[in-house]
Amino acid sequence: MREIVKAATAIPEMQFAFECICADDSRTKGTEVTPEDYSDVEIVAEAEYRLYTYFENGHINNDIRLGRDTAEGKKVAQKDVRMLKAFIKKYKTQDSMYSPWLAKVL
């Protein structure tokens, strides 16, 4: 397993993301898709999107991060945010549509 895939799948939010996108892409392509099938750039872009959802008004991840769900949910969300930020800092190699926004939160 590539290092970036191993690191990404260690983040609970990215595990969930891979479950969703791999299932969707498997149906579209007609063959099983795994996290290994995505490029490093695609994996980092997904991590950026997932981080963005924790700050997007109206998104359930933002509500959880702000403690509108439960105190335990807030702790889990804050940990996911820290893990996503560290992952992006380590593996990001090029700009994406989230780059201007990320500059403010990283």
N, C-alpha and C. Protein backbone atom coordinates (compact mmCIF):
# COMPACT_ATOMS: atom_id res chain seq x y z
N MET A 1 0.84 -1.18 0.00
CA MET A 1 0.00 0.00 0.00
C MET A 1 0.89 1.24 0.00
N ARG A 2 0.54 2.20 -0.85
CA ARG A 2 1.30 3.44 -0.90
C ARG A 2 1.19 4.17 0.43
N GLU A 3 2.25 4.92 0.77
CA GLU A 3 2.30 5.66 2.04
C GLU A 3 1.13 6.63 2.17
N ILE A 4 0.80 7.34 1.10
CA ILE A 4 -0.28 8.33 1.17
C ILE A 4 -1.63 7.66 1.42
N VAL A 5 -1.85 6.50 0.84
CA VAL A 5 -3.10 5.78 1.06
C VAL A 5 -3.18 5.29 2.50
N LYS A 6 -2.08 4.77 2.99
CA LYS A 6 -2.04 4.30 4.38
C LYS A 6 -2.32 5.47 5.34
N ALA A 7 -1.71 6.62 5.08
CA ALA A 7 -1.91 7.80 5.93
C ALA A 7 -3.35 8.29 5.83
N ALA A 8 -3.90 8.31 4.63
CA ALA A 8 -5.27 8.80 4.44
C ALA A 8 -6.28 7.88 5.14
N THR A 9 -6.10 6.58 5.02
CA THR A 9 -7.06 5.66 5.61
C THR A 9 -6.94 5.58 7.13
N ALA A 10 -5.92 6.21 7.69
CA ALA A 10 -5.79 6.30 9.15
C ALA A 10 -6.67 7.42 9.72
N ILE A 11 -7.24 8.24 8.85
CA ILE A 11 -8.11 9.35 9.26
C ILE A 11 -9.56 8.88 9.10
N PRO A 12 -10.32 8.84 10.19
CA PRO A 12 -11.70 8.34 10.10
C PRO A 12 -12.54 9.00 9.01
N GLU A 13 -12.45 10.30 8.86
CA GLU A 13 -13.24 10.99 7.83
C GLU A 13 -12.83 10.54 6.43
N MET A 14 -11.56 10.26 6.22
CA MET A 14 -11.11 9.77 4.91
C MET A 14 -11.51 8.32 4.69
N GLN A 15 -11.57 7.53 5.75
CA GLN A 15 -12.08 6.16 5.61
C GLN A 15 -13.51 6.21 5.08
N PHE A 16 -14.31 7.08 5.68
CA PHE A 16 -15.70 7.25 5.25
C PHE A 16 -15.75 7.74 3.80
N ALA A 17 -14.89 8.70 3.46
CA ALA A 17 -14.86 9.23 2.10
C ALA A 17 -14.55 8.13 1.10
N PHE A 18 -13.54 7.32 1.41
CA PHE A 18 -13.18 6.24 0.48
C PHE A 18 -14.32 5.23 0.34
N GLU A 19 -15.01 4.93 1.41
CA GLU A 19 -16.15 4.00 1.32
C GLU A 19 -17.17 4.54 0.33
N CYS A 20 -17.44 5.83 0.40
CA CYS A 20 -18.44 6.45 -0.47
C CYS A 20 -17.96 6.54 -1.92
N ILE A 21 -16.77 7.13 -2.12
CA ILE A 21 -16.33 7.37 -3.50
C ILE A 21 -15.93 6.08 -4.20
N CYS A 22 -15.38 5.13 -3.48
CA CYS A 22 -15.02 3.85 -4.11
C CYS A 22 -16.28 3.12 -4.55
N ALA A 23 -17.31 3.12 -3.72
CA ALA A 23 -18.56 2.48 -4.08
C ALA A 23 -19.18 3.16 -5.30
N ASP A 24 -19.21 4.49 -5.30
CA ASP A 24 -19.77 5.23 -6.43
C ASP A 24 -18.98 4.97 -7.71
N ASP A 25 -17.66 5.05 -7.62
CA ASP A 25 -16.82 4.84 -8.80
C ASP A 25 -16.87 3.40 -9.29
N SER A 26 -17.02 2.45 -8.37
CA SER A 26 -17.14 1.04 -8.77
C SER A 26 -18.41 0.83 -9.59
N ARG A 27 -19.50 1.45 -9.16
CA ARG A 27 -20.75 1.33 -9.93
C ARG A 27 -20.61 1.98 -11.30
N THR A 28 -19.97 3.13 -11.36
CA THR A 28 -19.82 3.85 -12.62
C THR A 28 -18.91 3.10 -13.59
N LYS A 29 -17.80 2.59 -13.08
CA LYS A 29 -16.82 1.93 -13.95
C LYS A 29 -17.11 0.45 -14.18
N GLY A 30 -17.99 -0.13 -13.38
CA GLY A 30 -18.32 -1.53 -13.54
C GLY A 30 -17.25 -2.49 -13.04
N THR A 31 -16.30 -1.98 -12.28
CA THR A 31 -15.26 -2.80 -11.70
C THR A 31 -14.93 -2.26 -10.31
N GLU A 32 -14.39 -3.10 -9.45
CA GLU A 32 -14.10 -2.65 -8.09
C GLU A 32 -13.01 -1.59 -8.07
N VAL A 33 -13.27 -0.52 -7.36
CA VAL A 33 -12.32 0.57 -7.20
C VAL A 33 -11.89 0.61 -5.73
N THR A 34 -10.58 0.76 -5.49
CA THR A 34 -10.05 0.84 -4.14
C THR A 34 -9.30 2.16 -3.98
N PRO A 35 -8.96 2.55 -2.75
CA PRO A 35 -8.20 3.78 -2.56
C PRO A 35 -6.88 3.81 -3.35
N GLU A 36 -6.29 2.66 -3.59
CA GLU A 36 -5.05 2.58 -4.36
C GLU A 36 -5.22 3.06 -5.80
N ASP A 37 -6.46 3.06 -6.29
CA ASP A 37 -6.72 3.46 -7.68
C ASP A 37 -6.70 4.97 -7.88
N TYR A 38 -6.67 5.74 -6.81
CA TYR A 38 -6.68 7.20 -6.92
C TYR A 38 -5.26 7.74 -6.88
N SER A 39 -5.04 8.81 -7.63
CA SER A 39 -3.72 9.45 -7.64
C SER A 39 -3.51 10.21 -6.33
N ASP A 40 -2.27 10.55 -6.06
CA ASP A 40 -1.97 11.34 -4.86
C ASP A 40 -2.72 12.66 -4.89
N VAL A 41 -2.78 13.29 -6.05
CA VAL A 41 -3.46 14.58 -6.19
C VAL A 41 -4.95 14.42 -5.87
N GLU A 42 -5.56 13.35 -6.35
CA GLU A 42 -6.98 13.12 -6.08
C GLU A 42 -7.23 12.88 -4.59
N ILE A 43 -6.34 12.16 -3.95
CA ILE A 43 -6.49 11.87 -2.52
C ILE A 43 -6.37 13.15 -1.70
N VAL A 44 -5.40 13.98 -2.03
CA VAL A 44 -5.23 15.24 -1.31
C VAL A 44 -6.43 16.15 -1.56
N ALA A 45 -6.92 16.18 -2.79
CA ALA A 45 -8.09 17.01 -3.10
C ALA A 45 -9.30 16.56 -2.29
N GLU A 46 -9.47 15.26 -2.12
CA GLU A 46 -10.58 14.76 -1.31
C GLU A 46 -10.41 15.17 0.15
N ALA A 47 -9.18 15.10 0.65
CA ALA A 47 -8.90 15.53 2.03
C ALA A 47 -9.20 17.01 2.19
N GLU A 48 -8.84 17.80 1.19
CA GLU A 48 -9.13 19.24 1.25
C GLU A 48 -10.64 19.48 1.30
N TYR A 49 -11.36 18.76 0.46
CA TYR A 49 -12.82 18.91 0.47
C TYR A 49 -13.40 18.51 1.82
N ARG A 50 -12.94 17.38 2.35
CA ARG A 50 -13.45 16.91 3.64
C ARG A 50 -13.17 17.92 4.75
N LEU A 51 -11.97 18.53 4.73
CA LEU A 51 -11.65 19.56 5.71
C LEU A 51 -12.58 20.76 5.53
N TYR A 52 -12.81 21.15 4.30
CA TYR A 52 -13.68 22.29 4.00
C TYR A 52 -15.07 22.10 4.60
N THR A 53 -15.58 20.84 4.57
CA THR A 53 -16.93 20.61 5.08
C THR A 53 -17.06 20.92 6.57
N TYR A 54 -15.96 20.85 7.30
CA TYR A 54 -16.00 21.15 8.73
C TYR A 54 -16.14 22.65 9.00
N PHE A 55 -16.02 23.47 7.97
CA PHE A 55 -16.13 24.92 8.12
C PHE A 55 -17.24 25.50 7.25
N GLU A 56 -17.97 24.65 6.56
CA GLU A 56 -19.02 25.08 5.64
C GLU A 56 -20.34 25.23 6.39
N ASN A 57 -20.88 26.45 6.40
CA ASN A 57 -22.17 26.68 7.07
C ASN A 57 -23.24 25.77 6.48
N GLY A 58 -23.98 25.13 7.37
CA GLY A 58 -25.05 24.25 6.93
C GLY A 58 -24.65 22.80 6.74
N HIS A 59 -23.35 22.52 6.73
CA HIS A 59 -22.91 21.13 6.58
C HIS A 59 -22.91 20.45 7.94
N ILE A 60 -23.32 19.19 7.98
CA ILE A 60 -23.40 18.46 9.24
C ILE A 60 -22.04 18.41 9.95
N ASN A 61 -20.94 18.31 9.19
CA ASN A 61 -19.61 18.29 9.83
C ASN A 61 -19.32 19.59 10.57
N ASN A 62 -19.77 20.70 10.02
CA ASN A 62 -19.59 21.99 10.70
C ASN A 62 -20.41 22.02 11.98
N ASP A 63 -21.63 21.55 11.92
CA ASP A 63 -22.47 21.52 13.12
C ASP A 63 -21.84 20.66 14.21
N ILE A 64 -21.30 19.52 13.82
CA ILE A 64 -20.66 18.64 14.79
C ILE A 64 -19.42 19.31 15.38
N ARG A 65 -18.60 19.94 14.52
CA ARG A 65 -17.38 20.61 14.98
C ARG A 65 -17.70 21.72 15.98
N LEU A 66 -18.83 22.38 15.79
CA LEU A 66 -19.22 23.48 16.68
C LEU A 66 -19.94 23.00 17.93
N GLY A 67 -20.10 21.69 18.07
CA GLY A 67 -20.72 21.14 19.26
C GLY A 67 -22.23 21.16 19.26
N ARG A 68 -22.83 21.32 18.10
CA ARG A 68 -24.30 21.35 18.02
C ARG A 68 -24.90 19.96 18.09
N ASP A 69 -24.07 18.95 18.05
CA ASP A 69 -24.53 17.56 18.13
C ASP A 69 -24.33 17.07 19.56
N THR A 70 -23.14 16.63 19.87
CA THR A 70 -22.80 16.19 21.24
C THR A 70 -21.38 16.64 21.56
N ALA A 71 -21.04 16.65 22.82
CA ALA A 71 -19.67 17.00 23.22
C ALA A 71 -18.68 15.99 22.66
N GLU A 72 -19.06 14.73 22.67
CA GLU A 72 -18.18 13.68 22.13
C GLU A 72 -17.99 13.87 20.62
N GLY A 73 -19.07 14.20 19.93
CA GLY A 73 -18.99 14.46 18.49
C GLY A 73 -18.05 15.61 18.19
N LYS A 74 -18.11 16.64 19.02
CA LYS A 74 -17.23 17.79 18.84
C LYS A 74 -15.77 17.39 18.98
N LYS A 75 -15.46 16.55 19.97
CA LYS A 75 -14.08 16.09 20.16
C LYS A 75 -13.60 15.28 18.96
N VAL A 76 -14.46 14.41 18.46
CA VAL A 76 -14.10 13.59 17.29
C VAL A 76 -13.87 14.49 16.07
N ALA A 77 -14.75 15.46 15.87
CA ALA A 77 -14.62 16.37 14.74
C ALA A 77 -13.34 17.19 14.83
N GLN A 78 -13.02 17.67 16.02
CA GLN A 78 -11.79 18.45 16.19
C GLN A 78 -10.55 17.60 15.90
N LYS A 79 -10.60 16.33 16.29
CA LYS A 79 -9.49 15.43 16.00
C LYS A 79 -9.38 15.19 14.49
N ASP A 80 -10.52 14.98 13.82
CA ASP A 80 -10.50 14.80 12.37
C ASP A 80 -9.93 16.02 11.68
N VAL A 81 -10.31 17.20 12.13
CA VAL A 81 -9.80 18.45 11.53
C VAL A 81 -8.28 18.51 11.69
N ARG A 82 -7.77 18.22 12.88
CA ARG A 82 -6.31 18.23 13.10
C ARG A 82 -5.61 17.22 12.19
N MET A 83 -6.19 16.03 12.08
CA MET A 83 -5.58 14.99 11.25
C MET A 83 -5.60 15.37 9.77
N LEU A 84 -6.71 15.93 9.32
CA LEU A 84 -6.81 16.36 7.92
C LEU A 84 -5.81 17.47 7.61
N LYS A 85 -5.70 18.43 8.51
CA LYS A 85 -4.74 19.53 8.30
C LYS A 85 -3.31 18.99 8.20
N ALA A 86 -2.94 18.10 9.09
CA ALA A 86 -1.59 17.54 9.09
C ALA A 86 -1.35 16.73 7.81
N PHE A 87 -2.34 15.97 7.40
CA PHE A 87 -2.23 15.18 6.18
C PHE A 87 -2.02 16.08 4.96
N ILE A 88 -2.84 17.13 4.85
CA ILE A 88 -2.74 18.05 3.71
C ILE A 88 -1.38 18.74 3.70
N LYS A 89 -0.94 19.21 4.85
CA LYS A 89 0.37 19.87 4.92
C LYS A 89 1.49 18.95 4.45
N LYS A 90 1.39 17.68 4.79
CA LYS A 90 2.44 16.73 4.44
C LYS A 90 2.41 16.33 2.97
N TYR A 91 1.23 16.16 2.39
CA TYR A 91 1.14 15.56 1.06
C TYR A 91 0.75 16.51 -0.07
N LYS A 92 0.33 17.72 0.23
CA LYS A 92 -0.09 18.66 -0.82
C LYS A 92 1.11 19.08 -1.66
N THR A 93 0.98 18.92 -2.98
CA THR A 93 2.07 19.28 -3.89
C THR A 93 1.67 20.32 -4.93
N GLN A 94 0.37 20.58 -5.07
CA GLN A 94 -0.08 21.58 -6.03
C GLN A 94 -1.35 22.23 -5.55
N ASP A 95 -1.63 23.40 -6.11
CA ASP A 95 -2.82 24.14 -5.72
C ASP A 95 -4.08 23.47 -6.23
N SER A 96 -5.16 23.73 -5.53
CA SER A 96 -6.47 23.24 -5.94
C SER A 96 -7.47 24.37 -5.78
N MET A 97 -8.73 24.07 -6.06
CA MET A 97 -9.76 25.10 -5.91
C MET A 97 -9.92 25.53 -4.45
N TYR A 98 -9.43 24.72 -3.51
CA TYR A 98 -9.55 25.05 -2.10
C TYR A 98 -8.33 25.82 -1.57
N SER A 99 -7.30 26.00 -2.37
CA SER A 99 -6.06 26.61 -1.90
C SER A 99 -6.23 27.98 -1.25
N PRO A 100 -6.99 28.91 -1.84
CA PRO A 100 -7.14 30.22 -1.18
C PRO A 100 -7.80 30.09 0.20
N TRP A 101 -8.80 29.23 0.30
CA TRP A 101 -9.47 29.02 1.59
C TRP A 101 -8.55 28.31 2.58
N LEU A 102 -7.80 27.31 2.10
CA LEU A 102 -6.92 26.55 2.98
C LEU A 102 -5.83 27.41 3.59
N ALA A 103 -5.37 28.40 2.86
CA ALA A 103 -4.33 29.28 3.36
C ALA A 103 -4.77 29.96 4.67
N LYS A 104 -6.07 30.11 4.84
CA LYS A 104 -6.61 30.77 6.03
C LYS A 104 -6.71 29.81 7.23
N VAL A 105 -6.87 28.51 6.98
CA VAL A 105 -7.11 27.58 8.08
C VAL A 105 -5.94 26.68 8.41
N LEU A 106 -4.98 26.57 7.52
CA LEU A 106 -3.83 25.70 7.78
C LEU A 106 -2.76 26.39 8.59
